[in-house]
Amino acid sequence: MKLTKFVLVPLIMFLLVLLYFYLNKQEYQQIAWQEISVIEAQEYAKNCKVADTAETNDGYTYITLRDGSRKKLKNYKGVSQVGVFKQALNSAQNCGPIKFSIE
């Protein structure tokens, strides 16, 4: 009986730790950046849904929407998708402050 306690308690603790890490991994995947097309990015800009953007050197422009969701726009070489998106941001009227940064 004592041997069973010494085996079951650590086994249960180990399984609980695995469950904890599994659930955290799923939560992290849910808040991942969703890749969108330039047309979708333009629509978000025109409809005043963009709250924050950041252009990085990893090949993406990251867009945070006013509802808290996260999107990323692929920067293709030779195709100025980000320029088109920036034009849509600039042409959007009465949207309030939008932060654009280059990291």
N, C-alpha and C. Protein backbone atom coordinates (compact mmCIF):
# COMPACT_ATOMS: atom_id res chain seq x y z
N MET A 1 0.82 -1.20 0.00
CA MET A 1 0.00 0.00 0.00
C MET A 1 0.86 1.26 0.00
N LYS A 2 1.96 1.25 0.77
CA LYS A 2 2.82 2.43 0.82
C LYS A 2 3.51 2.66 -0.52
N LEU A 3 3.86 1.60 -1.17
CA LEU A 3 4.50 1.73 -2.48
C LEU A 3 3.55 2.38 -3.48
N THR A 4 2.28 2.07 -3.39
CA THR A 4 1.29 2.65 -4.28
C THR A 4 1.20 4.16 -4.07
N LYS A 5 1.24 4.63 -2.81
CA LYS A 5 1.21 6.06 -2.52
C LYS A 5 2.42 6.76 -3.11
N PHE A 6 3.58 6.15 -2.96
CA PHE A 6 4.81 6.77 -3.44
C PHE A 6 4.88 6.81 -4.97
N VAL A 7 4.12 5.96 -5.60
CA VAL A 7 4.11 5.95 -7.07
C VAL A 7 2.98 6.83 -7.61
N LEU A 8 1.81 6.74 -7.01
CA LEU A 8 0.65 7.47 -7.53
C LEU A 8 0.74 8.98 -7.32
N VAL A 9 1.18 9.43 -6.18
CA VAL A 9 1.22 10.87 -5.90
C VAL A 9 2.17 11.58 -6.87
N PRO A 10 3.41 11.13 -7.06
CA PRO A 10 4.26 11.81 -8.05
C PRO A 10 3.72 11.71 -9.48
N LEU A 11 3.10 10.58 -9.80
CA LEU A 11 2.53 10.41 -11.13
C LEU A 11 1.40 11.42 -11.36
N ILE A 12 0.54 11.59 -10.39
CA ILE A 12 -0.56 12.55 -10.50
C ILE A 12 -0.01 13.97 -10.60
N MET A 13 0.99 14.29 -9.81
CA MET A 13 1.60 15.62 -9.86
C MET A 13 2.22 15.87 -11.24
N PHE A 14 2.90 14.88 -11.76
CA PHE A 14 3.51 15.01 -13.08
C PHE A 14 2.45 15.25 -14.15
N LEU A 15 1.35 14.52 -14.08
CA LEU A 15 0.27 14.69 -15.05
C LEU A 15 -0.37 16.07 -14.94
N LEU A 16 -0.49 16.58 -13.73
CA LEU A 16 -1.04 17.93 -13.55
C LEU A 16 -0.12 18.99 -14.16
N VAL A 17 1.17 18.81 -14.00
CA VAL A 17 2.12 19.75 -14.60
C VAL A 17 2.03 19.70 -16.12
N LEU A 18 1.95 18.51 -16.69
CA LEU A 18 1.79 18.39 -18.14
C LEU A 18 0.51 19.05 -18.63
N LEU A 19 -0.58 18.87 -17.90
CA LEU A 19 -1.85 19.49 -18.24
C LEU A 19 -1.73 21.02 -18.21
N TYR A 20 -1.04 21.55 -17.21
CA TYR A 20 -0.84 22.99 -17.09
C TYR A 20 -0.11 23.54 -18.32
N PHE A 21 0.98 22.90 -18.72
CA PHE A 21 1.74 23.37 -19.88
C PHE A 21 0.95 23.20 -21.18
N TYR A 22 0.18 22.15 -21.29
CA TYR A 22 -0.64 21.94 -22.48
C TYR A 22 -1.68 23.05 -22.62
N LEU A 23 -2.34 23.40 -21.53
CA LEU A 23 -3.36 24.45 -21.57
C LEU A 23 -2.74 25.82 -21.87
N ASN A 24 -1.57 26.10 -21.33
CA ASN A 24 -0.90 27.36 -21.62
C ASN A 24 -0.48 27.45 -23.08
N LYS A 25 -0.06 26.34 -23.65
CA LYS A 25 0.34 26.33 -25.06
C LYS A 25 -0.86 26.64 -25.95
N GLN A 26 -2.01 26.08 -25.62
CA GLN A 26 -3.22 26.35 -26.41
C GLN A 26 -3.61 27.82 -26.31
N GLU A 27 -3.50 28.39 -25.13
CA GLU A 27 -3.84 29.80 -24.94
C GLU A 27 -2.90 30.68 -25.76
N TYR A 28 -1.61 30.36 -25.78
CA TYR A 28 -0.65 31.13 -26.55
C TYR A 28 -0.95 31.06 -28.04
N GLN A 29 -1.35 29.89 -28.52
CA GLN A 29 -1.65 29.75 -29.94
C GLN A 29 -2.89 30.54 -30.33
N GLN A 30 -3.82 30.74 -29.40
CA GLN A 30 -5.03 31.48 -29.71
C GLN A 30 -4.75 32.97 -29.93
N ILE A 31 -3.71 33.51 -29.26
CA ILE A 31 -3.42 34.93 -29.41
C ILE A 31 -2.33 35.17 -30.45
N ALA A 32 -2.03 34.19 -31.25
CA ALA A 32 -1.00 34.34 -32.27
C ALA A 32 -1.46 35.34 -33.33
N TRP A 33 -0.51 35.86 -34.07
CA TRP A 33 -0.79 36.83 -35.13
C TRP A 33 -1.35 36.10 -36.34
N GLN A 34 -2.50 36.53 -36.82
CA GLN A 34 -3.13 35.93 -37.99
C GLN A 34 -2.67 36.69 -39.24
N GLU A 35 -2.17 35.97 -40.24
CA GLU A 35 -1.71 36.62 -41.47
C GLU A 35 -2.91 36.99 -42.34
N ILE A 36 -2.89 38.22 -42.85
CA ILE A 36 -3.99 38.71 -43.68
C ILE A 36 -3.44 39.24 -44.99
N SER A 37 -4.34 39.46 -45.94
CA SER A 37 -3.95 40.01 -47.24
C SER A 37 -3.98 41.54 -47.16
N VAL A 38 -3.40 42.17 -48.18
CA VAL A 38 -3.38 43.64 -48.20
C VAL A 38 -4.79 44.20 -48.36
N ILE A 39 -5.66 43.47 -49.02
CA ILE A 39 -7.05 43.93 -49.19
C ILE A 39 -7.75 43.97 -47.84
N GLU A 40 -7.56 42.92 -47.03
CA GLU A 40 -8.14 42.91 -45.69
C GLU A 40 -7.57 44.05 -44.85
N ALA A 41 -6.26 44.28 -44.96
CA ALA A 41 -5.62 45.35 -44.20
C ALA A 41 -6.19 46.71 -44.61
N GLN A 42 -6.42 46.90 -45.89
CA GLN A 42 -7.02 48.15 -46.37
C GLN A 42 -8.42 48.34 -45.78
N GLU A 43 -9.20 47.27 -45.75
CA GLU A 43 -10.56 47.36 -45.20
C GLU A 43 -10.53 47.74 -43.72
N TYR A 44 -9.61 47.13 -42.97
CA TYR A 44 -9.48 47.49 -41.56
C TYR A 44 -9.13 48.97 -41.42
N ALA A 45 -8.23 49.46 -42.28
CA ALA A 45 -7.83 50.87 -42.21
C ALA A 45 -8.98 51.79 -42.59
N LYS A 46 -9.69 51.46 -43.66
CA LYS A 46 -10.79 52.31 -44.12
C LYS A 46 -11.93 52.36 -43.11
N ASN A 47 -12.14 51.27 -42.38
CA ASN A 47 -13.23 51.21 -41.40
C ASN A 47 -12.82 51.64 -40.00
N CYS A 48 -11.66 52.28 -39.89
CA CYS A 48 -11.17 52.82 -38.61
C CYS A 48 -11.02 51.74 -37.54
N LYS A 49 -10.56 50.57 -37.91
CA LYS A 49 -10.41 49.48 -36.94
C LYS A 49 -8.97 49.31 -36.47
N VAL A 50 -8.02 50.04 -37.07
CA VAL A 50 -6.60 49.89 -36.73
C VAL A 50 -6.26 50.76 -35.53
N ALA A 51 -5.62 50.16 -34.52
CA ALA A 51 -5.19 50.90 -33.33
C ALA A 51 -3.69 51.13 -33.33
N ASP A 52 -2.92 50.16 -33.83
CA ASP A 52 -1.47 50.24 -33.72
C ASP A 52 -0.85 49.40 -34.83
N THR A 53 0.24 49.88 -35.39
CA THR A 53 0.97 49.10 -36.38
C THR A 53 2.46 49.18 -36.09
N ALA A 54 3.18 48.17 -36.49
CA ALA A 54 4.63 48.16 -36.33
C ALA A 54 5.25 47.42 -37.50
N GLU A 55 6.19 48.06 -38.17
CA GLU A 55 6.90 47.44 -39.28
C GLU A 55 8.23 46.92 -38.74
N THR A 56 8.50 45.64 -38.94
CA THR A 56 9.71 45.04 -38.39
C THR A 56 10.60 44.53 -39.52
N ASN A 57 11.80 44.11 -39.15
CA ASN A 57 12.73 43.62 -40.17
C ASN A 57 12.59 42.13 -40.43
N ASP A 58 11.55 41.49 -39.90
CA ASP A 58 11.35 40.06 -40.14
C ASP A 58 10.45 39.80 -41.35
N GLY A 59 10.09 40.84 -42.08
CA GLY A 59 9.29 40.66 -43.28
C GLY A 59 7.81 40.85 -43.10
N TYR A 60 7.37 41.36 -41.95
CA TYR A 60 5.95 41.56 -41.69
C TYR A 60 5.69 42.95 -41.13
N THR A 61 4.48 43.44 -41.36
CA THR A 61 3.97 44.60 -40.66
C THR A 61 2.89 44.07 -39.72
N TYR A 62 3.03 44.34 -38.44
CA TYR A 62 2.10 43.84 -37.44
C TYR A 62 1.04 44.89 -37.16
N ILE A 63 -0.22 44.45 -37.15
CA ILE A 63 -1.35 45.36 -37.00
C ILE A 63 -2.18 44.91 -35.81
N THR A 64 -2.40 45.81 -34.87
CA THR A 64 -3.30 45.53 -33.75
C THR A 64 -4.58 46.31 -34.01
N LEU A 65 -5.70 45.62 -33.96
CA LEU A 65 -6.98 46.26 -34.20
C LEU A 65 -7.55 46.82 -32.90
N ARG A 66 -8.53 47.70 -33.03
CA ARG A 66 -9.12 48.35 -31.85
C ARG A 66 -9.85 47.35 -30.95
N ASP A 67 -10.26 46.22 -31.48
CA ASP A 67 -10.91 45.21 -30.64
C ASP A 67 -9.91 44.30 -29.94
N GLY A 68 -8.60 44.53 -30.16
CA GLY A 68 -7.57 43.75 -29.49
C GLY A 68 -7.01 42.60 -30.29
N SER A 69 -7.62 42.28 -31.43
CA SER A 69 -7.10 41.16 -32.23
C SER A 69 -5.83 41.59 -32.96
N ARG A 70 -5.04 40.60 -33.34
CA ARG A 70 -3.72 40.86 -33.92
C ARG A 70 -3.64 40.26 -35.32
N LYS A 71 -3.11 41.04 -36.24
CA LYS A 71 -2.96 40.61 -37.63
C LYS A 71 -1.54 40.93 -38.08
N LYS A 72 -1.09 40.22 -39.11
CA LYS A 72 0.21 40.56 -39.70
C LYS A 72 0.09 40.55 -41.21
N LEU A 73 0.79 41.51 -41.84
CA LEU A 73 0.77 41.69 -43.27
C LEU A 73 2.16 41.38 -43.81
N LYS A 74 2.24 40.46 -44.75
CA LYS A 74 3.52 40.06 -45.33
C LYS A 74 4.05 41.18 -46.22
N ASN A 75 5.31 41.53 -46.02
CA ASN A 75 5.98 42.53 -46.85
C ASN A 75 6.69 41.81 -47.99
N TYR A 76 6.08 41.83 -49.17
CA TYR A 76 6.70 41.17 -50.32
C TYR A 76 7.68 42.11 -50.98
N LYS A 77 8.84 41.59 -51.34
CA LYS A 77 9.84 42.42 -52.01
C LYS A 77 9.35 42.75 -53.41
N GLY A 78 9.48 44.02 -53.77
CA GLY A 78 9.06 44.46 -55.09
C GLY A 78 7.59 44.83 -55.16
N VAL A 79 6.81 44.44 -54.19
CA VAL A 79 5.39 44.78 -54.16
C VAL A 79 5.14 45.63 -52.93
N SER A 80 4.69 46.82 -53.14
CA SER A 80 4.54 47.76 -52.03
C SER A 80 3.18 47.58 -51.35
N GLN A 81 2.98 46.42 -50.74
CA GLN A 81 1.72 46.19 -50.03
C GLN A 81 1.61 47.08 -48.81
N VAL A 82 2.72 47.25 -48.11
CA VAL A 82 2.70 48.07 -46.92
C VAL A 82 2.42 49.52 -47.30
N GLY A 83 2.97 49.95 -48.45
CA GLY A 83 2.68 51.30 -48.93
C GLY A 83 1.20 51.49 -49.19
N VAL A 84 0.56 50.50 -49.80
CA VAL A 84 -0.88 50.55 -50.05
C VAL A 84 -1.64 50.62 -48.73
N PHE A 85 -1.21 49.84 -47.76
CA PHE A 85 -1.85 49.85 -46.45
C PHE A 85 -1.68 51.21 -45.77
N LYS A 86 -0.46 51.78 -45.86
CA LYS A 86 -0.21 53.09 -45.25
C LYS A 86 -1.06 54.17 -45.92
N GLN A 87 -1.24 54.09 -47.23
CA GLN A 87 -2.10 55.05 -47.92
C GLN A 87 -3.53 54.95 -47.41
N ALA A 88 -4.00 53.72 -47.20
CA ALA A 88 -5.35 53.54 -46.67
C ALA A 88 -5.46 54.10 -45.26
N LEU A 89 -4.39 53.92 -44.45
CA LEU A 89 -4.39 54.49 -43.11
C LEU A 89 -4.45 56.01 -43.17
N ASN A 90 -3.66 56.60 -44.06
CA ASN A 90 -3.61 58.06 -44.17
C ASN A 90 -4.91 58.64 -44.71
N SER A 91 -5.59 57.91 -45.57
CA SER A 91 -6.83 58.42 -46.16
C SER A 91 -8.04 58.23 -45.25
N ALA A 92 -7.91 57.40 -44.23
CA ALA A 92 -9.04 57.19 -43.32
C ALA A 92 -9.29 58.47 -42.53
N GLN A 93 -10.53 58.92 -42.53
CA GLN A 93 -10.89 60.19 -41.89
C GLN A 93 -11.50 59.95 -40.51
N ASN A 94 -11.17 60.82 -39.56
CA ASN A 94 -11.78 60.83 -38.22
C ASN A 94 -11.65 59.51 -37.49
N CYS A 95 -10.51 58.88 -37.58
CA CYS A 95 -10.32 57.60 -36.91
C CYS A 95 -9.67 57.74 -35.54
N GLY A 96 -9.21 58.91 -35.21
CA GLY A 96 -8.50 59.07 -33.95
C GLY A 96 -7.04 58.71 -34.13
N PRO A 97 -6.29 58.71 -33.04
CA PRO A 97 -4.85 58.47 -33.15
C PRO A 97 -4.53 57.02 -33.52
N ILE A 98 -3.58 56.87 -34.44
CA ILE A 98 -3.06 55.55 -34.83
C ILE A 98 -1.55 55.61 -34.67
N LYS A 99 -1.01 54.66 -33.97
CA LYS A 99 0.44 54.63 -33.75
C LYS A 99 1.08 53.75 -34.82
N PHE A 100 2.08 54.30 -35.51
CA PHE A 100 2.82 53.51 -36.50
C PHE A 100 4.29 53.60 -36.14
N SER A 101 4.91 52.47 -35.93
CA SER A 101 6.32 52.48 -35.55
C SER A 101 7.10 51.49 -36.41
N ILE A 102 8.39 51.75 -36.51
CA ILE A 102 9.30 50.84 -37.21
C ILE A 102 10.26 50.30 -36.18
N GLU A 103 10.30 48.99 -36.05
CA GLU A 103 11.16 48.36 -35.03
C GLU A 103 12.27 47.58 -35.68
